[in-house]
Amino acid sequence: MNKVILMGRLTRDPEVRYSQGANPVAIARYSLAVNRTFKREGEPDADFINIVSFGKPGEFAGKYFKKGQMVAITGRIQIRTYDDQDGKRQYFTEVIAEEQHFAESKASFENNRQTTPAPSGDSAEGFMPIDNSFDDEDDLPF
């Protein structure tokens, strides 16, 4: 099974291009900054994951998704390879979006965009920290 579920903020506006051929298909490319649950000193706080969306969902992403928005994606991981000019093999890992959803209201996004300075540090995604201090399963709150 190859299934990915991600929620994060768009790092840039989606870039939409159309395939060549008799029936051009929209191809949207964008990336998400997804906060890491556990952070070690000296390591990044987030992962930046490339997303590709095809067809109508690609057109939707290009029209409505904007840099900084919180979105949720479900899809599958795909790895592409090609040989560069030096003959060296290059690998790209992407998530092919099967579903895309807004993860915050438009009003919330607009308010955050106008009132929040550029993210720096611990809570760049707007998440609250989770208490991970439970030592055994009997202490879990659910």
C-alpha atoms as a PDB file:
ATOM      1  CA  MET A   1       0.000   0.000   0.000  1.00  0.00           C
ATOM      2  CA  ASN A   2       1.300   3.464  -0.904  1.00  0.00           C
ATOM      3  CA  LYS A   3      -0.711   6.131   0.966  1.00  0.00           C
ATOM      4  CA  VAL A   4       0.424   9.507   2.302  1.00  0.00           C
ATOM      5  CA  ILE A   5      -1.513  12.012   4.415  1.00  0.00           C
ATOM      6  CA  LEU A   6       0.069  15.440   4.934  1.00  0.00           C
ATOM      7  CA  MET A   7      -0.973  18.734   6.441  1.00  0.00           C
ATOM      8  CA  GLY A   8       1.175  21.813   6.176  1.00  0.00           C
ATOM      9  CA  ARG A   9       1.548  25.289   4.766  1.00  0.00           C
ATOM     10  CA  LEU A  10       2.268  26.025   1.129  1.00  0.00           C
ATOM     11  CA  THR A  11       5.789  27.378   0.721  1.00  0.00           C
ATOM     12  CA  ARG A  12       4.929  29.101  -2.569  1.00  0.00           C
ATOM     13  CA  ASP A  13       2.006  29.580  -4.938  1.00  0.00           C
ATOM     14  CA  PRO A  14       1.406  26.490  -7.102  1.00  0.00           C
ATOM     15  CA  GLU A  15       2.959  26.528 -10.555  1.00  0.00           C
ATOM     16  CA  VAL A  16       0.551  25.205 -13.213  1.00  0.00           C
ATOM     17  CA  ARG A  17       1.610  24.000 -16.633  1.00  0.00           C
ATOM     18  CA  TYR A  18      -0.255  22.032 -19.268  1.00  0.00           C
ATOM     19  CA  SER A  19       0.854  18.822 -20.945  1.00  0.00           C
ATOM     20  CA  GLN A  20       1.464  18.652 -24.684  1.00  0.00           C
ATOM     21  CA  GLY A  21      -0.943  16.781 -26.908  1.00  0.00           C
ATOM     22  CA  ALA A  22      -4.496  16.710 -28.221  1.00  0.00           C
ATOM     23  CA  ASN A  23      -6.036  16.908 -24.719  1.00  0.00           C
ATOM     24  CA  PRO A  24      -3.776  19.062 -22.523  1.00  0.00           C
ATOM     25  CA  VAL A  25      -3.863  18.184 -18.812  1.00  0.00           C
ATOM     26  CA  ALA A  26      -3.101  20.665 -16.027  1.00  0.00           C
ATOM     27  CA  ILE A  27      -0.083  19.781 -13.884  1.00  0.00           C
ATOM     28  CA  ALA A  28       0.286  21.796 -10.669  1.00  0.00           C
ATOM     29  CA  ARG A  29       3.493  21.649  -8.632  1.00  0.00           C
ATOM     30  CA  TYR A  30       3.866  23.075  -5.148  1.00  0.00           C
ATOM     31  CA  SER A  31       5.508  22.222  -1.863  1.00  0.00           C
ATOM     32  CA  LEU A  32       4.333  21.934   1.715  1.00  0.00           C
ATOM     33  CA  ALA A  33       6.233  22.742   4.886  1.00  0.00           C
ATOM     34  CA  VAL A  34       5.194  20.011   7.314  1.00  0.00           C
ATOM     35  CA  ASN A  35       6.244  20.406  10.948  1.00  0.00           C
ATOM     36  CA  ARG A  36       8.190  17.555  12.505  1.00  0.00           C
ATOM     37  CA  THR A  37       6.713  16.116  15.682  1.00  0.00           C
ATOM     38  CA  PHE A  38      10.091  15.479  17.295  1.00  0.00           C
ATOM     39  CA  LYS A  39      12.861  18.005  16.880  1.00  0.00           C
ATOM     40  CA  ARG A  40      16.528  17.516  17.626  1.00  0.00           C
ATOM     41  CA  GLU A  41      18.895  20.387  18.121  1.00  0.00           C
ATOM     42  CA  GLY A  42      20.596  21.391  14.897  1.00  0.00           C
ATOM     43  CA  GLU A  43      18.019  19.666  12.682  1.00  0.00           C
ATOM     44  CA  PRO A  44      15.291  21.391  10.647  1.00  0.00           C
ATOM     45  CA  ASP A  45      11.892  21.956  12.296  1.00  0.00           C
ATOM     46  CA  ALA A  46       9.968  21.036   9.143  1.00  0.00           C
ATOM     47  CA  ASP A  47      10.157  18.869   6.059  1.00  0.00           C
ATOM     48  CA  PHE A  48       9.548  20.442   2.669  1.00  0.00           C
ATOM     49  CA  ILE A  49       7.613  18.006   0.522  1.00  0.00           C
ATOM     50  CA  ASN A  50       7.001  18.393  -3.211  1.00  0.00           C
ATOM     51  CA  ILE A  51       3.413  17.808  -4.365  1.00  0.00           C
ATOM     52  CA  VAL A  52       2.112  17.223  -7.901  1.00  0.00           C
ATOM     53  CA  SER A  53      -1.571  17.449  -8.792  1.00  0.00           C
ATOM     54  CA  PHE A  54      -3.019  16.532 -12.205  1.00  0.00           C
ATOM     55  CA  GLY A  55      -6.154  17.524 -14.143  1.00  0.00           C
ATOM     56  CA  LYS A  56      -9.028  19.388 -12.474  1.00  0.00           C
ATOM     57  CA  PRO A  57      -7.403  19.163  -9.012  1.00  0.00           C
ATOM     58  CA  GLY A  58      -4.288  20.747 -10.543  1.00  0.00           C
ATOM     59  CA  GLU A  59      -6.348  23.603 -11.968  1.00  0.00           C
ATOM     60  CA  PHE A  60      -8.072  24.003  -8.580  1.00  0.00           C
ATOM     61  CA  ALA A  61      -4.717  24.202  -6.773  1.00  0.00           C
ATOM     62  CA  GLY A  62      -3.440  26.788  -9.225  1.00  0.00           C
ATOM     63  CA  LYS A  63      -6.542  28.931  -8.856  1.00  0.00           C
ATOM     64  CA  TYR A  64      -7.240  28.754  -5.103  1.00  0.00           C
ATOM     65  CA  PHE A  65      -4.094  27.697  -3.225  1.00  0.00           C
ATOM     66  CA  LYS A  66      -1.823  30.527  -2.074  1.00  0.00           C
ATOM     67  CA  LYS A  67       1.532  30.689  -0.321  1.00  0.00           C
ATOM     68  CA  GLY A  68       1.114  30.333   3.447  1.00  0.00           C
ATOM     69  CA  GLN A  69      -2.238  28.513   3.368  1.00  0.00           C
ATOM     70  CA  MET A  70      -2.707  25.434   5.517  1.00  0.00           C
ATOM     71  CA  VAL A  71      -3.787  22.514   3.321  1.00  0.00           C
ATOM     72  CA  ALA A  72      -4.253  18.780   3.756  1.00  0.00           C
ATOM     73  CA  ILE A  73      -3.194  16.350   1.036  1.00  0.00           C
ATOM     74  CA  THR A  74      -3.718  12.635   0.563  1.00  0.00           C
ATOM     75  CA  GLY A  75      -1.898  10.808  -2.166  1.00  0.00           C
ATOM     76  CA  ARG A  76       0.935   8.424  -2.980  1.00  0.00           C
ATOM     77  CA  ILE A  77       4.715   8.672  -3.059  1.00  0.00           C
ATOM     78  CA  GLN A  78       6.406   8.500  -6.441  1.00  0.00           C
ATOM     79  CA  ILE A  79      10.126   8.498  -7.207  1.00  0.00           C
ATOM     80  CA  ARG A  80      11.400   9.799 -10.536  1.00  0.00           C
ATOM     81  CA  THR A  81      14.911   9.411 -11.886  1.00  0.00           C
ATOM     82  CA  TYR A  82      16.871  10.872 -14.749  1.00  0.00           C
ATOM     83  CA  ASP A  83      20.505  11.148 -15.803  1.00  0.00           C
ATOM     84  CA  ASP A  84      21.873  14.710 -15.707  1.00  0.00           C
ATOM     85  CA  GLN A  85      24.357  16.282 -18.129  1.00  0.00           C
ATOM     86  CA  ASP A  86      27.275  14.671 -16.283  1.00  0.00           C
ATOM     87  CA  GLY A  87      25.695  11.222 -16.552  1.00  0.00           C
ATOM     88  CA  LYS A  88      24.910  11.188 -12.837  1.00  0.00           C
ATOM     89  CA  ARG A  89      21.574   9.671 -11.813  1.00  0.00           C
ATOM     90  CA  GLN A  90      19.230  12.142 -10.071  1.00  0.00           C
ATOM     91  CA  TYR A  91      16.321  11.051  -7.850  1.00  0.00           C
ATOM     92  CA  PHE A  92      13.186  13.064  -7.034  1.00  0.00           C
ATOM     93  CA  THR A  93      10.601  12.049  -4.475  1.00  0.00           C
ATOM     94  CA  GLU A  94       7.152  13.597  -4.860  1.00  0.00           C
ATOM     95  CA  VAL A  95       3.664  13.059  -3.535  1.00  0.00           C
ATOM     96  CA  ILE A  96       1.064  12.640  -6.265  1.00  0.00           C
ATOM     97  CA  ALA A  97      -2.054  14.276  -4.809  1.00  0.00           C
ATOM     98  CA  GLU A  98      -5.257  12.277  -4.928  1.00  0.00           C
ATOM     99  CA  GLU A  99      -7.198  14.626  -2.628  1.00  0.00           C
ATOM    100  CA  GLN A 100      -6.548  18.248  -1.628  1.00  0.00           C
ATOM    101  CA  HIS A 101      -8.400  20.153   1.089  1.00  0.00           C
ATOM    102  CA  PHE A 102      -8.243  23.532   2.761  1.00  0.00           C
ATOM    103  CA  ALA A 103      -7.217  23.013   6.400  1.00  0.00           C
ATOM    104  CA  GLU A 104      -8.197  26.477   7.626  1.00  0.00           C
ATOM    105  CA  SER A 105     -10.924  28.958   6.799  1.00  0.00           C
ATOM    106  CA  LYS A 106     -10.317  31.736   4.311  1.00  0.00           C
ATOM    107  CA  ALA A 107     -10.926  34.325   7.054  1.00  0.00           C
ATOM    108  CA  SER A 108      -8.356  32.650   9.322  1.00  0.00           C
ATOM    109  CA  PHE A 109      -5.805  32.562   6.503  1.00  0.00           C
ATOM    110  CA  GLU A 110      -6.402  36.239   5.666  1.00  0.00           C
ATOM    111  CA  ASN A 111      -6.134  37.250   9.343  1.00  0.00           C
ATOM    112  CA  ASN A 112      -2.905  35.269   9.800  1.00  0.00           C
ATOM    113  CA  ARG A 113      -1.481  36.696   6.620  1.00  0.00           C
ATOM    114  CA  GLN A 114      -2.134  40.295   7.693  1.00  0.00           C
ATOM    115  CA  THR A 115      -1.320  40.086  11.396  1.00  0.00           C
ATOM    116  CA  THR A 116       1.402  37.446  11.646  1.00  0.00           C
ATOM    117  CA  PRO A 117       5.022  38.368  10.967  1.00  0.00           C
ATOM    118  CA  ALA A 118       7.193  35.979   8.995  1.00  0.00           C
ATOM    119  CA  PRO A 119       7.517  32.657  10.849  1.00  0.00           C
ATOM    120  CA  SER A 120      10.619  32.200  12.914  1.00  0.00           C
ATOM    121  CA  GLY A 121      11.352  29.362  15.254  1.00  0.00           C
ATOM    122  CA  ASP A 122       9.169  26.975  17.138  1.00  0.00           C
ATOM    123  CA  SER A 123       5.602  27.457  15.967  1.00  0.00           C
ATOM    124  CA  ALA A 124       5.961  28.425  12.308  1.00  0.00           C
ATOM    125  CA  GLU A 125       2.967  26.282  11.396  1.00  0.00           C
ATOM    126  CA  GLY A 126       0.698  27.679  14.078  1.00  0.00           C
ATOM    127  CA  PHE A 127       0.458  24.338  15.876  1.00  0.00           C
ATOM    128  CA  MET A 128       0.428  24.000  19.629  1.00  0.00           C
ATOM    129  CA  PRO A 129       3.071  21.666  21.070  1.00  0.00           C
ATOM    130  CA  ILE A 130       1.835  18.230  22.123  1.00  0.00           C
ATOM    131  CA  ASP A 131       2.717  16.787  25.505  1.00  0.00           C
ATOM    132  CA  ASN A 132       4.718  13.646  24.625  1.00  0.00           C
ATOM    133  CA  SER A 133       5.577  12.779  28.219  1.00  0.00           C
ATOM    134  CA  PHE A 134       3.428   9.631  28.438  1.00  0.00           C
ATOM    135  CA  ASP A 135       5.708   6.747  29.394  1.00  0.00           C
ATOM    136  CA  ASP A 136       3.376   3.805  28.932  1.00  0.00           C
ATOM    137  CA  GLU A 137       0.074   3.168  27.209  1.00  0.00           C
ATOM    138  CA  ASP A 138      -1.867   3.173  30.513  1.00  0.00           C
ATOM    139  CA  ASP A 139      -1.180   6.901  30.864  1.00  0.00           C
ATOM    140  CA  LEU A 140      -2.632   7.850  27.474  1.00  0.00           C
ATOM    141  CA  PRO A 141      -5.535  10.301  27.693  1.00  0.00           C
ATOM    142  CA  PHE A 142      -7.727   8.267  25.311  1.00  0.00           C
END
